[in-house]
C-alpha cells in the first residue's frame, strides 16, 4: 500500500512540475529585446525534467528582481529553436548581451550561481 501511495505522489509531483513549463520564446520578441539593449536570458526544458522546473522558477523570480532583462524558455524538443541556439540538452541556460552570447551553462540550478551569472552580464 505504501508503494502505491509513493508512486501516486511521485506522478503528481512530476505532473505539477511539467505544468509550469511552456515555450515563451519568440524570435521577434528576442530580437526586439536585444535591439532595446536588454540582457536576454534563454533556457531550455523538457516535459518531465524537475531540474528544468527548478531552474525556470529561479529565472522567473530573477526576471522580476533585475532591471532590463528579458527571459524566454523553450522545449528542447523544438528542433528549430534548439538549432538556432545550438542547444542539445535540457536545462541549458544562455545569456545574451549586446547581441552576443556571454554565458552558457548546462544543468545549473543553484540560485546563487545563476544570479551571479546574470549580475556579471548586466
PDB file of N, CA and C in Angstrom:
ATOM      1  N   UNK A   1       0.822  -1.195   0.000  1.00  0.00           N
ATOM      2  CA  UNK A   1       0.000   0.000   0.000  1.00  0.00           C
ATOM      3  C   UNK A   1       0.869   1.263   0.000  1.00  0.00           C
ATOM      4  N   UNK A   2       1.953   1.243   0.799  1.00  0.00           N
ATOM      5  CA  UNK A   2       2.859   2.399   0.838  1.00  0.00           C
ATOM      6  C   UNK A   2       3.498   2.650  -0.517  1.00  0.00           C
ATOM      7  N   UNK A   3       3.811   1.575  -1.223  1.00  0.00           N
ATOM      8  CA  UNK A   3       4.417   1.728  -2.538  1.00  0.00           C
ATOM      9  C   UNK A   3       3.458   2.415  -3.507  1.00  0.00           C
ATOM     10  N   UNK A   4       2.207   2.093  -3.439  1.00  0.00           N
ATOM     11  CA  UNK A   4       1.205   2.715  -4.302  1.00  0.00           C
ATOM     12  C   UNK A   4       1.090   4.194  -3.976  1.00  0.00           C
ATOM     13  N   UNK A   5       1.044   4.529  -2.696  1.00  0.00           N
ATOM     14  CA  UNK A   5       0.955   5.919  -2.282  1.00  0.00           C
ATOM     15  C   UNK A   5       2.172   6.716  -2.773  1.00  0.00           C
ATOM     16  N   UNK A   6       3.344   6.152  -2.619  1.00  0.00           N
ATOM     17  CA  UNK A   6       4.570   6.818  -3.067  1.00  0.00           C
ATOM     18  C   UNK A   6       4.546   7.008  -4.580  1.00  0.00           C
ATOM     19  N   UNK A   7       4.107   5.991  -5.303  1.00  0.00           N
ATOM     20  CA  UNK A   7       4.027   6.080  -6.755  1.00  0.00           C
ATOM     21  C   UNK A   7       3.064   7.184  -7.180  1.00  0.00           C
ATOM     22  N   UNK A   8       1.889   7.240  -6.567  1.00  0.00           N
ATOM     23  CA  UNK A   8       0.900   8.266  -6.903  1.00  0.00           C
ATOM     24  C   UNK A   8       1.447   9.650  -6.586  1.00  0.00           C
ATOM     25  N   UNK A   9       2.093   9.792  -5.433  1.00  0.00           N
ATOM     26  CA  UNK A   9       2.685  11.076  -5.061  1.00  0.00           C
ATOM     27  C   UNK A   9       3.740  11.498  -6.084  1.00  0.00           C
ATOM     28  N   UNK A  10       4.574  10.556  -6.512  1.00  0.00           N
ATOM     29  CA  UNK A  10       5.620  10.831  -7.481  1.00  0.00           C
ATOM     30  C   UNK A  10       5.023  11.300  -8.809  1.00  0.00           C
ATOM     31  N   UNK A  11       3.977  10.649  -9.268  1.00  0.00           N
ATOM     32  CA  UNK A  11       3.316  11.027 -10.526  1.00  0.00           C
ATOM     33  C   UNK A  11       2.746  12.434 -10.424  1.00  0.00           C
ATOM     34  N   UNK A  12       2.082  12.770  -9.318  1.00  0.00           N
ATOM     35  CA  UNK A  12       1.535  14.110  -9.149  1.00  0.00           C
ATOM     36  C   UNK A  12       2.639  15.151  -9.077  1.00  0.00           C
ATOM     37  N   UNK A  13       3.741  14.829  -8.449  1.00  0.00           N
ATOM     38  CA  UNK A  13       4.866  15.764  -8.357  1.00  0.00           C
ATOM     39  C   UNK A  13       5.428  16.057  -9.744  1.00  0.00           C
ATOM     40  N   UNK A  14       5.581  15.035 -10.567  1.00  0.00           N
ATOM     41  CA  UNK A  14       6.070  15.243 -11.927  1.00  0.00           C
ATOM     42  C   UNK A  14       5.080  16.053 -12.747  1.00  0.00           C
ATOM     43  N   UNK A  15       3.807  15.769 -12.593  1.00  0.00           N
ATOM     44  CA  UNK A  15       2.787  16.498 -13.335  1.00  0.00           C
ATOM     45  C   UNK A  15       2.772  17.965 -12.955  1.00  0.00           C
ATOM     46  N   UNK A  16       2.946  18.247 -11.679  1.00  0.00           N
ATOM     47  CA  UNK A  16       2.965  19.642 -11.225  1.00  0.00           C
ATOM     48  C   UNK A  16       4.134  20.387 -11.838  1.00  0.00           C
ATOM     49  N   UNK A  17       5.295  19.773 -11.867  1.00  0.00           N
ATOM     50  CA  UNK A  17       6.461  20.414 -12.472  1.00  0.00           C
ATOM     51  C   UNK A  17       6.271  20.602 -13.963  1.00  0.00           C
ATOM     52  N   UNK A  18       5.710  19.632 -14.621  1.00  0.00           N
ATOM     53  CA  UNK A  18       5.526  19.713 -16.061  1.00  0.00           C
ATOM     54  C   UNK A  18       4.536  20.815 -16.417  1.00  0.00           C
ATOM     55  N   UNK A  19       3.525  21.034 -15.604  1.00  0.00           N
ATOM     56  CA  UNK A  19       2.508  22.026 -15.890  1.00  0.00           C
ATOM     57  C   UNK A  19       3.016  23.448 -15.848  1.00  0.00           C
ATOM     58  N   UNK A  20       4.104  23.696 -15.161  1.00  0.00           N
ATOM     59  CA  UNK A  20       4.639  25.038 -15.038  1.00  0.00           C
ATOM     60  C   UNK A  20       5.447  25.449 -16.262  1.00  0.00           C
ATOM     61  N   UNK A  21       5.754  24.534 -17.119  1.00  0.00           N
ATOM     62  CA  UNK A  21       6.632  24.804 -18.246  1.00  0.00           C
ATOM     63  C   UNK A  21       5.825  25.130 -19.496  1.00  0.00           C
ATOM     64  N   UNK A  22       6.285  26.141 -20.214  1.00  0.00           N
ATOM     65  CA  UNK A  22       5.726  26.423 -21.520  1.00  0.00           C
ATOM     66  C   UNK A  22       6.753  27.195 -22.329  1.00  0.00           C
ATOM     67  N   UNK A  23       6.672  27.056 -23.630  1.00  0.00           N
ATOM     68  CA  UNK A  23       7.584  27.780 -24.502  1.00  0.00           C
ATOM     69  C   UNK A  23       7.135  29.228 -24.596  1.00  0.00           C
ATOM     70  N   UNK A  24       8.016  30.126 -24.203  1.00  0.00           N
ATOM     71  CA  UNK A  24       7.736  31.561 -24.280  1.00  0.00           C
ATOM     72  C   UNK A  24       8.617  32.223 -25.329  1.00  0.00           C
ATOM     73  N   UNK A  25       9.561  31.465 -25.897  1.00  0.00           N
ATOM     74  CA  UNK A  25      10.480  32.036 -26.873  1.00  0.00           C
ATOM     75  C   UNK A  25       9.748  32.414 -28.137  1.00  0.00           C
ATOM     76  N   UNK A  26      10.071  33.593 -28.625  1.00  0.00           N
ATOM     77  CA  UNK A  26       9.535  34.117 -29.877  1.00  0.00           C
ATOM     78  C   UNK A  26      10.672  34.919 -30.505  1.00  0.00           C
ATOM     79  N   UNK A  27      11.050  34.603 -31.730  1.00  0.00           N
ATOM     80  CA  UNK A  27      12.212  35.239 -32.356  1.00  0.00           C
ATOM     81  C   UNK A  27      12.048  36.754 -32.478  1.00  0.00           C
ATOM     82  N   UNK A  28      10.834  37.221 -32.767  1.00  0.00           N
ATOM     83  CA  UNK A  28      10.622  38.660 -32.900  1.00  0.00           C
ATOM     84  C   UNK A  28      10.828  39.367 -31.561  1.00  0.00           C
ATOM     85  N   UNK A  29      10.289  38.772 -30.476  1.00  0.00           N
ATOM     86  CA  UNK A  29      10.460  39.374 -29.150  1.00  0.00           C
ATOM     87  C   UNK A  29      11.914  39.287 -28.686  1.00  0.00           C
ATOM     88  N   UNK A  30      12.587  38.191 -29.019  1.00  0.00           N
ATOM     89  CA  UNK A  30      14.005  38.030 -28.703  1.00  0.00           C
ATOM     90  C   UNK A  30      14.824  39.130 -29.381  1.00  0.00           C
ATOM     91  N   UNK A  31      14.600  39.328 -30.679  1.00  0.00           N
ATOM     92  CA  UNK A  31      15.328  40.357 -31.420  1.00  0.00           C
ATOM     93  C   UNK A  31      15.002  41.757 -30.914  1.00  0.00           C
ATOM     94  N   UNK A  32      13.741  41.993 -30.579  1.00  0.00           N
ATOM     95  CA  UNK A  32      13.322  43.304 -30.061  1.00  0.00           C
ATOM     96  C   UNK A  32      14.016  43.598 -28.737  1.00  0.00           C
ATOM     97  N   UNK A  33      14.034  42.623 -27.839  1.00  0.00           N
ATOM     98  CA  UNK A  33      14.679  42.819 -26.542  1.00  0.00           C
ATOM     99  C   UNK A  33      16.158  43.130 -26.716  1.00  0.00           C
ATOM    100  N   UNK A  34      16.810  42.433 -27.638  1.00  0.00           N
ATOM    101  CA  UNK A  34      18.231  42.708 -27.887  1.00  0.00           C
ATOM    102  C   UNK A  34      18.433  44.094 -28.476  1.00  0.00           C
ATOM    103  N   UNK A  35      17.564  44.501 -29.399  1.00  0.00           N
ATOM    104  CA  UNK A  35      17.711  45.824 -30.013  1.00  0.00           C
ATOM    105  C   UNK A  35      17.457  46.946 -29.006  1.00  0.00           C
ATOM    106  N   UNK A  36      16.697  46.630 -27.948  1.00  0.00           N
ATOM    107  CA  UNK A  36      16.442  47.615 -26.885  1.00  0.00           C
ATOM    108  C   UNK A  36      17.546  47.627 -25.843  1.00  0.00           C
ATOM    109  N   UNK A  37      18.576  46.806 -26.039  1.00  0.00           N
ATOM    110  CA  UNK A  37      19.715  46.786 -25.131  1.00  0.00           C
ATOM    111  C   UNK A  37      19.498  45.971 -23.863  1.00  0.00           C
ATOM    112  N   UNK A  38      18.489  45.131 -23.861  1.00  0.00           N
ATOM    113  CA  UNK A  38      18.231  44.309 -22.685  1.00  0.00           C
ATOM    114  C   UNK A  38      19.180  43.117 -22.639  1.00  0.00           C
ATOM    115  N   UNK A  39      19.429  42.637 -21.435  1.00  0.00           N
ATOM    116  CA  UNK A  39      20.102  41.356 -21.255  1.00  0.00           C
ATOM    117  C   UNK A  39      19.026  40.302 -21.455  1.00  0.00           C
ATOM    118  N   UNK A  40      19.287  39.349 -22.335  1.00  0.00           N
ATOM    119  CA  UNK A  40      18.273  38.345 -22.676  1.00  0.00           C
ATOM    120  C   UNK A  40      18.731  36.984 -22.164  1.00  0.00           C
ATOM    121  N   UNK A  41      17.842  36.336 -21.415  1.00  0.00           N
ATOM    122  CA  UNK A  41      18.109  35.015 -20.851  1.00  0.00           C
ATOM    123  C   UNK A  41      17.202  34.016 -21.555  1.00  0.00           C
ATOM    124  N   UNK A  42      17.787  32.900 -21.968  1.00  0.00           N
ATOM    125  CA  UNK A  42      17.033  31.839 -22.639  1.00  0.00           C
ATOM    126  C   UNK A  42      17.372  30.526 -21.944  1.00  0.00           C
ATOM    127  N   UNK A  43      16.343  29.756 -21.604  1.00  0.00           N
ATOM    128  CA  UNK A  43      16.592  28.438 -21.005  1.00  0.00           C
ATOM    129  C   UNK A  43      15.788  27.378 -21.753  1.00  0.00           C
ATOM    130  N   UNK A  44      16.313  26.157 -21.710  1.00  0.00           N
ATOM    131  CA  UNK A  44      15.636  25.039 -22.364  1.00  0.00           C
ATOM    132  C   UNK A  44      15.112  24.070 -21.313  1.00  0.00           C
ATOM    133  N   UNK A  45      14.051  23.388 -21.665  1.00  0.00           N
ATOM    134  CA  UNK A  45      13.438  22.426 -20.752  1.00  0.00           C
ATOM    135  C   UNK A  45      12.882  21.258 -21.564  1.00  0.00           C
ATOM    136  N   UNK A  46      12.502  20.219 -20.844  1.00  0.00           N
ATOM    137  CA  UNK A  46      11.799  19.088 -21.436  1.00  0.00           C
ATOM    138  C   UNK A  46      10.708  18.678 -20.447  1.00  0.00           C
ATOM    139  N   UNK A  47       9.685  18.056 -20.934  1.00  0.00           N
ATOM    140  CA  UNK A  47       8.442  17.837 -20.182  1.00  0.00           C
ATOM    141  C   UNK A  47       8.613  17.334 -18.745  1.00  0.00           C
ATOM    142  N   UNK A  48       9.331  16.248 -18.532  1.00  0.00           N
ATOM    143  CA  UNK A  48       9.376  15.658 -17.192  1.00  0.00           C
ATOM    144  C   UNK A  48      10.685  15.929 -16.454  1.00  0.00           C
ATOM    145  N   UNK A  49      11.289  17.051 -16.695  1.00  0.00           N
ATOM    146  CA  UNK A  49      12.575  17.401 -16.089  1.00  0.00           C
ATOM    147  C   UNK A  49      12.343  18.284 -14.865  1.00  0.00           C
ATOM    148  N   UNK A  50      12.579  17.730 -13.690  1.00  0.00           N
ATOM    149  CA  UNK A  50      12.350  18.515 -12.465  1.00  0.00           C
ATOM    150  C   UNK A  50      13.430  19.578 -12.272  1.00  0.00           C
ATOM    151  N   UNK A  51      14.666  19.324 -12.712  1.00  0.00           N
ATOM    152  CA  UNK A  51      15.695  20.361 -12.584  1.00  0.00           C
ATOM    153  C   UNK A  51      15.389  21.534 -13.513  1.00  0.00           C
ATOM    154  N   UNK A  52      14.757  21.264 -14.648  1.00  0.00           N
ATOM    155  CA  UNK A  52      14.338  22.344 -15.555  1.00  0.00           C
ATOM    156  C   UNK A  52      13.316  23.239 -14.861  1.00  0.00           C
ATOM    157  N   UNK A  53      12.356  22.622 -14.188  1.00  0.00           N
ATOM    158  CA  UNK A  53      11.330  23.381 -13.478  1.00  0.00           C
ATOM    159  C   UNK A  53      11.966  24.235 -12.385  1.00  0.00           C
ATOM    160  N   UNK A  54      12.945  23.682 -11.683  1.00  0.00           N
ATOM    161  CA  UNK A  54      13.631  24.439 -10.644  1.00  0.00           C
ATOM    162  C   UNK A  54      14.375  25.628 -11.213  1.00  0.00           C
ATOM    163  N   UNK A  55      15.076  25.408 -12.324  1.00  0.00           N
ATOM    164  CA  UNK A  55      15.802  26.500 -12.969  1.00  0.00           C
ATOM    165  C   UNK A  55      14.837  27.576 -13.452  1.00  0.00           C
ATOM    166  N   UNK A  56      13.717  27.165 -14.012  1.00  0.00           N
ATOM    167  CA  UNK A  56      12.731  28.123 -14.520  1.00  0.00           C
ATOM    168  C   UNK A  56      12.136  28.968 -13.398  1.00  0.00           C
ATOM    169  N   UNK A  57      11.900  28.371 -12.232  1.00  0.00           N
ATOM    170  CA  UNK A  57      11.390  29.145 -11.090  1.00  0.00           C
ATOM    171  C   UNK A  57      12.382  30.217 -10.684  1.00  0.00           C
ATOM    172  N   UNK A  58      13.649  29.858 -10.642  1.00  0.00           N
ATOM    173  CA  UNK A  58      14.697  30.822 -10.292  1.00  0.00           C
ATOM    174  C   UNK A  58      14.722  31.957 -11.321  1.00  0.00           C
ATOM    175  N   UNK A  59      14.661  31.611 -12.593  1.00  0.00           N
ATOM    176  CA  UNK A  59      14.735  32.621 -13.650  1.00  0.00           C
ATOM    177  C   UNK A  59      13.492  33.499 -13.698  1.00  0.00           C
ATOM    178  N   UNK A  60      12.326  32.944 -13.407  1.00  0.00           N
ATOM    179  CA  UNK A  60      11.116  33.764 -13.346  1.00  0.00           C
ATOM    180  C   UNK A  60      11.191  34.778 -12.208  1.00  0.00           C
ATOM    181  N   UNK A  61      11.765  34.393 -11.079  1.00  0.00           N
ATOM    182  CA  UNK A  61      11.965  35.335  -9.975  1.00  0.00           C
ATOM    183  C   UNK A  61      12.996  36.385 -10.358  1.00  0.00           C
ATOM    184  N   UNK A  62      14.067  35.957 -10.994  1.00  0.00           N
ATOM    185  CA  UNK A  62      15.125  36.889 -11.408  1.00  0.00           C
ATOM    186  C   UNK A  62      14.576  37.935 -12.367  1.00  0.00           C
ATOM    187  N   UNK A  63      13.677  37.525 -13.240  1.00  0.00           N
ATOM    188  CA  UNK A  63      13.075  38.449 -14.203  1.00  0.00           C
ATOM    189  C   UNK A  63      12.429  39.637 -13.489  1.00  0.00           C
ATOM    190  N   UNK A  64      11.874  39.398 -12.306  1.00  0.00           N
ATOM    191  CA  UNK A  64      11.222  40.455 -11.545  1.00  0.00           C
ATOM    192  C   UNK A  64      12.173  41.201 -10.618  1.00  0.00           C
ATOM    193  N   UNK A  65      13.326  40.618 -10.330  1.00  0.00           N
ATOM    194  CA  UNK A  65      14.268  41.224  -9.389  1.00  0.00           C
ATOM    195  C   UNK A  65      15.350  42.058 -10.067  1.00  0.00           C
ATOM    196  N   UNK A  66      15.601  41.810 -11.337  1.00  0.00           N
ATOM    197  CA  UNK A  66      16.628  42.553 -12.073  1.00  0.00           C
ATOM    198  C   UNK A  66      15.965  43.465 -13.094  1.00  0.00           C
ATOM    199  N   UNK A  67      16.545  44.641 -13.266  1.00  0.00           N
ATOM    200  CA  UNK A  67      16.060  45.567 -14.287  1.00  0.00           C
ATOM    201  C   UNK A  67      16.682  45.230 -15.634  1.00  0.00           C
ATOM    202  N   UNK A  68      15.972  45.544 -16.683  1.00  0.00           N
ATOM    203  CA  UNK A  68      16.477  45.480 -18.042  1.00  0.00           C
ATOM    204  C   UNK A  68      16.867  44.066 -18.492  1.00  0.00           C
ATOM    205  N   UNK A  69      16.123  43.056 -18.031  1.00  0.00           N
ATOM    206  CA  UNK A  69      16.342  41.706 -18.553  1.00  0.00           C
ATOM    207  C   UNK A  69      15.037  41.163 -19.119  1.00  0.00           C
ATOM    208  N   UNK A  70      15.180  40.280 -20.061  1.00  0.00           N
ATOM    209  CA  UNK A  70      14.041  39.582 -20.662  1.00  0.00           C
ATOM    210  C   UNK A  70      14.352  38.092 -20.579  1.00  0.00           C
ATOM    211  N   UNK A  71      13.336  37.291 -20.244  1.00  0.00           N
ATOM    212  CA  UNK A  71      13.538  35.856 -20.076  1.00  0.00           C
ATOM    213  C   UNK A  71      12.611  35.075 -20.991  1.00  0.00           C
ATOM    214  N   UNK A  72      13.194  34.130 -21.718  1.00  0.00           N
ATOM    215  CA  UNK A  72      12.446  33.233 -22.598  1.00  0.00           C
ATOM    216  C   UNK A  72      12.818  31.784 -22.279  1.00  0.00           C
ATOM    217  N   UNK A  73      11.867  30.891 -22.463  1.00  0.00           N
ATOM    218  CA  UNK A  73      12.099  29.462 -22.257  1.00  0.00           C
ATOM    219  C   UNK A  73      11.554  28.705 -23.467  1.00  0.00           C
ATOM    220  N   UNK A  74      12.156  27.540 -23.731  1.00  0.00           N
ATOM    221  CA  UNK A  74      11.651  26.729 -24.841  1.00  0.00           C
ATOM    222  C   UNK A  74      11.874  25.250 -24.569  1.00  0.00           C
ATOM    223  N   UNK A  75      11.014  24.442 -25.157  1.00  0.00           N
ATOM    224  CA  UNK A  75      11.109  22.986 -25.080  1.00  0.00           C
ATOM    225  C   UNK A  75      12.246  22.542 -25.988  1.00  0.00           C
ATOM    226  N   UNK A  76      13.225  21.864 -25.423  1.00  0.00           N
ATOM    227  CA  UNK A  76      14.411  21.461 -26.178  1.00  0.00           C
ATOM    228  C   UNK A  76      14.069  20.514 -27.327  1.00  0.00           C
ATOM    229  N   UNK A  77      12.895  19.911 -27.304  1.00  0.00           N
ATOM    230  CA  UNK A  77      12.497  19.053 -28.420  1.00  0.00           C
ATOM    231  C   UNK A  77      12.042  19.870 -29.635  1.00  0.00           C
ATOM    232  N   UNK A  78      11.924  21.197 -29.471  1.00  0.00           N
ATOM    233  CA  UNK A  78      11.636  22.075 -30.606  1.00  0.00           C
ATOM    234  C   UNK A  78      12.940  22.242 -31.385  1.00  0.00           C
ATOM    235  N   UNK A  79      13.075  21.495 -32.455  1.00  0.00           N
ATOM    236  CA  UNK A  79      14.340  21.427 -33.199  1.00  0.00           C
ATOM    237  C   UNK A  79      14.738  22.768 -33.811  1.00  0.00           C
ATOM    238  N   UNK A  80      13.759  23.557 -34.231  1.00  0.00           N
ATOM    239  CA  UNK A  80      14.063  24.844 -34.852  1.00  0.00           C
ATOM    240  C   UNK A  80      14.762  25.783 -33.860  1.00  0.00           C
ATOM    241  N   UNK A  81      14.212  25.889 -32.655  1.00  0.00           N
ATOM    242  CA  UNK A  81      14.820  26.769 -31.647  1.00  0.00           C
ATOM    243  C   UNK A  81      16.124  26.170 -31.141  1.00  0.00           C
ATOM    244  N   UNK A  82      16.140  24.868 -30.907  1.00  0.00           N
ATOM    245  CA  UNK A  82      17.363  24.207 -30.439  1.00  0.00           C
ATOM    246  C   UNK A  82      18.513  24.434 -31.418  1.00  0.00           C
ATOM    247  N   UNK A  83      18.223  24.342 -32.697  1.00  0.00           N
ATOM    248  CA  UNK A  83      19.257  24.547 -33.713  1.00  0.00           C
ATOM    249  C   UNK A  83      19.704  26.003 -33.747  1.00  0.00           C
ATOM    250  N   UNK A  84      18.769  26.923 -33.594  1.00  0.00           N
ATOM    251  CA  UNK A  84      19.088  28.349 -33.594  1.00  0.00           C
ATOM    252  C   UNK A  84      20.158  28.682 -32.549  1.00  0.00           C
ATOM    253  N   UNK A  85      20.039  28.053 -31.371  1.00  0.00           N
ATOM    254  CA  UNK A  85      20.962  28.336 -30.268  1.00  0.00           C
ATOM    255  C   UNK A  85      22.011  27.241 -30.069  1.00  0.00           C
ATOM    256  N   UNK A  86      22.021  26.237 -30.921  1.00  0.00           N
ATOM    257  CA  UNK A  86      22.928  25.094 -30.794  1.00  0.00           C
ATOM    258  C   UNK A  86      22.810  24.472 -29.393  1.00  0.00           C
ATOM    259  N   UNK A  87      21.569  24.207 -28.999  1.00  0.00           N
ATOM    260  CA  UNK A  87      21.275  23.611 -27.692  1.00  0.00           C
ATOM    261  C   UNK A  87      20.851  22.164 -27.914  1.00  0.00           C
ATOM    262  N   UNK A  88      21.496  21.251 -27.202  1.00  0.00           N
ATOM    263  CA  UNK A  88      21.191  19.838 -27.344  1.00  0.00           C
ATOM    264  C   UNK A  88      20.613  19.225 -26.076  1.00  0.00           C
ATOM    265  N   UNK A  89      20.664  19.954 -24.949  1.00  0.00           N
ATOM    266  CA  UNK A  89      20.269  19.384 -23.667  1.00  0.00           C
ATOM    267  C   UNK A  89      19.278  20.290 -22.951  1.00  0.00           C
ATOM    268  N   UNK A  90      18.408  19.654 -22.155  1.00  0.00           N
ATOM    269  CA  UNK A  90      17.520  20.424 -21.303  1.00  0.00           C
ATOM    270  C   UNK A  90      18.335  21.096 -20.194  1.00  0.00           C
ATOM    271  N   UNK A  91      17.765  22.077 -19.577  1.00  0.00           N
ATOM    272  CA  UNK A  91      18.373  22.867 -18.504  1.00  0.00           C
ATOM    273  C   UNK A  91      19.623  23.602 -19.004  1.00  0.00           C
ATOM    274  N   UNK A  92      19.633  23.947 -20.291  1.00  0.00           N
ATOM    275  CA  UNK A  92      20.697  24.792 -20.822  1.00  0.00           C
ATOM    276  C   UNK A  92      20.281  26.238 -20.598  1.00  0.00           C
ATOM    277  N   UNK A  93      21.198  27.017 -20.076  1.00  0.00           N
ATOM    278  CA  UNK A  93      20.948  28.422 -19.756  1.00  0.00           C
ATOM    279  C   UNK A  93      21.871  29.282 -20.607  1.00  0.00           C
ATOM    280  N   UNK A  94      21.298  30.225 -21.333  1.00  0.00           N
ATOM    281  CA  UNK A  94      22.050  31.134 -22.195  1.00  0.00           C
ATOM    282  C   UNK A  94      21.751  32.568 -21.772  1.00  0.00           C
ATOM    283  N   UNK A  95      22.777  33.409 -21.782  1.00  0.00           N
ATOM    284  CA  UNK A  95      22.593  34.832 -21.520  1.00  0.00           C
ATOM    285  C   UNK A  95      23.227  35.608 -22.667  1.00  0.00           C
ATOM    286  N   UNK A  96      22.471  36.557 -23.199  1.00  0.00           N
ATOM    287  CA  UNK A  96      22.915  37.398 -24.302  1.00  0.00           C
ATOM    288  C   UNK A  96      22.977  38.849 -23.863  1.00  0.00           C
ATOM    289  N   UNK A  97      24.020  39.533 -24.314  1.00  0.00           N
ATOM    290  CA  UNK A  97      24.162  40.975 -24.073  1.00  0.00           C
ATOM    291  C   UNK A  97      24.807  41.579 -25.314  1.00  0.00           C
ATOM    292  N   UNK A  98      24.300  42.709 -25.730  1.00  0.00           N
ATOM    293  CA  UNK A  98      24.821  43.390 -26.923  1.00  0.00           C
ATOM    294  C   UNK A  98      24.855  42.456 -28.131  1.00  0.00           C
ATOM    295  N   UNK A  99      23.785  41.682 -28.287  1.00  0.00           N
ATOM    296  CA  UNK A  99      23.613  40.773 -29.421  1.00  0.00           C
ATOM    297  C   UNK A  99      24.644  39.649 -29.472  1.00  0.00           C
ATOM    298  N   UNK A 100      25.275  39.331 -28.334  1.00  0.00           N
ATOM    299  CA  UNK A 100      26.248  38.247 -28.279  1.00  0.00           C
ATOM    300  C   UNK A 100      25.943  37.336 -27.094  1.00  0.00           C
ATOM    301  N   UNK A 101      26.181  36.051 -27.276  1.00  0.00           N
ATOM    302  CA  UNK A 101      26.069  35.126 -26.153  1.00  0.00           C
ATOM    303  C   UNK A 101      27.260  35.367 -25.228  1.00  0.00           C
ATOM    304  N   UNK A 102      26.961  35.655 -23.947  1.00  0.00           N
ATOM    305  CA  UNK A 102      28.034  35.942 -22.986  1.00  0.00           C
ATOM    306  C   UNK A 102      28.129  34.886 -21.891  1.00  0.00           C
ATOM    307  N   UNK A 103      27.163  33.969 -21.855  1.00  0.00           N
ATOM    308  CA  UNK A 103      27.170  32.934 -20.813  1.00  0.00           C
ATOM    309  C   UNK A 103      26.396  31.726 -21.311  1.00  0.00           C
ATOM    310  N   UNK A 104      26.895  30.528 -20.956  1.00  0.00           N
ATOM    311  CA  UNK A 104      26.201  29.279 -21.277  1.00  0.00           C
ATOM    312  C   UNK A 104      26.522  28.273 -20.183  1.00  0.00           C
ATOM    313  N   UNK A 105      25.494  27.611 -19.697  1.00  0.00           N
ATOM    314  CA  UNK A 105      25.695  26.516 -18.745  1.00  0.00           C
ATOM    315  C   UNK A 105      24.675  25.425 -19.037  1.00  0.00           C
ATOM    316  N   UNK A 106      25.000  24.231 -18.585  1.00  0.00           N
ATOM    317  CA  UNK A 106      24.085  23.095 -18.731  1.00  0.00           C
ATOM    318  C   UNK A 106      23.865  22.509 -17.344  1.00  0.00           C
ATOM    319  N   UNK A 107      22.612  22.451 -16.929  1.00  0.00           N
ATOM    320  CA  UNK A 107      22.254  21.810 -15.668  1.00  0.00           C
ATOM    321  C   UNK A 107      22.392  22.675 -14.437  1.00  0.00           C
ATOM    322  N   UNK A 108      22.648  23.959 -14.600  1.00  0.00           N
ATOM    323  CA  UNK A 108      22.827  24.823 -13.428  1.00  0.00           C
ATOM    324  C   UNK A 108      21.475  25.128 -12.773  1.00  0.00           C
ATOM    325  N   UNK A 109      21.351  24.765 -11.502  1.00  0.00           N
ATOM    326  CA  UNK A 109      20.110  25.024 -10.763  1.00  0.00           C
ATOM    327  C   UNK A 109      20.374  25.724  -9.436  1.00  0.00           C
ATOM    328  N   UNK A 110      21.611  26.145  -9.213  1.00  0.00           N
ATOM    329  CA  UNK A 110      21.950  26.839  -7.980  1.00  0.00           C
ATOM    330  C   UNK A 110      21.599  28.314  -8.135  1.00  0.00           C
ATOM    331  N   UNK A 111      20.686  28.804  -7.307  1.00  0.00           N
ATOM    332  CA  UNK A 111      20.203  30.178  -7.405  1.00  0.00           C
ATOM    333  C   UNK A 111      21.341  31.186  -7.369  1.00  0.00           C
ATOM    334  N   UNK A 112      22.268  31.029  -6.430  1.00  0.00           N
ATOM    335  CA  UNK A 112      23.357  31.998  -6.285  1.00  0.00           C
ATOM    336  C   UNK A 112      24.235  32.048  -7.529  1.00  0.00           C
ATOM    337  N   UNK A 113      24.533  30.900  -8.109  1.00  0.00           N
ATOM    338  CA  UNK A 113      25.366  30.877  -9.310  1.00  0.00           C
ATOM    339  C   UNK A 113      24.637  31.474 -10.515  1.00  0.00           C
ATOM    340  N   UNK A 114      23.347  31.212 -10.621  1.00  0.00           N
ATOM    341  CA  UNK A 114      22.555  31.794 -11.713  1.00  0.00           C
ATOM    342  C   UNK A 114      22.479  33.308 -11.550  1.00  0.00           C
ATOM    343  N   UNK A 115      22.223  33.773 -10.335  1.00  0.00           N
ATOM    344  CA  UNK A 115      22.151  35.221 -10.105  1.00  0.00           C
ATOM    345  C   UNK A 115      23.499  35.883 -10.362  1.00  0.00           C
ATOM    346  N   UNK A 116      24.570  35.230  -9.999  1.00  0.00           N
ATOM    347  CA  UNK A 116      25.910  35.779 -10.266  1.00  0.00           C
ATOM    348  C   UNK A 116      26.154  35.912 -11.766  1.00  0.00           C
ATOM    349  N   UNK A 117      25.735  34.911 -12.539  1.00  0.00           N
ATOM    350  CA  UNK A 117      25.883  34.982 -13.994  1.00  0.00           C
ATOM    351  C   UNK A 117      25.070  36.140 -14.566  1.00  0.00           C
ATOM    352  N   UNK A 118      23.882  36.356 -14.032  1.00  0.00           N
ATOM    353  CA  UNK A 118      23.048  37.474 -14.506  1.00  0.00           C
ATOM    354  C   UNK A 118      23.709  38.798 -14.135  1.00  0.00           C
ATOM    355  N   UNK A 119      24.136  38.926 -12.886  1.00  0.00           N
ATOM    356  CA  UNK A 119      24.781  40.178 -12.432  1.00  0.00           C
ATOM    357  C   UNK A 119      26.006  40.510 -13.258  1.00  0.00           C
ATOM    358  N   UNK A 120      26.798  39.498 -13.577  1.00  0.00           N
ATOM    359  CA  UNK A 120      28.020  39.758 -14.354  1.00  0.00           C
ATOM    360  C   UNK A 120      27.717  40.140 -15.810  1.00  0.00           C
ATOM    361  N   UNK A 121      26.481  39.911 -16.236  1.00  0.00           N
ATOM    362  CA  UNK A 121      26.079  40.231 -17.616  1.00  0.00           C
ATOM    363  C   UNK A 121      25.390  41.576 -17.736  1.00  0.00           C
ATOM    364  N   UNK A 122      25.032  42.150 -16.621  1.00  0.00           N
ATOM    365  CA  UNK A 122      24.300  43.432 -16.642  1.00  0.00           C
ATOM    366  C   UNK A 122      25.272  44.584 -16.761  1.00  0.00           C
TER     367      UNK A 122
END
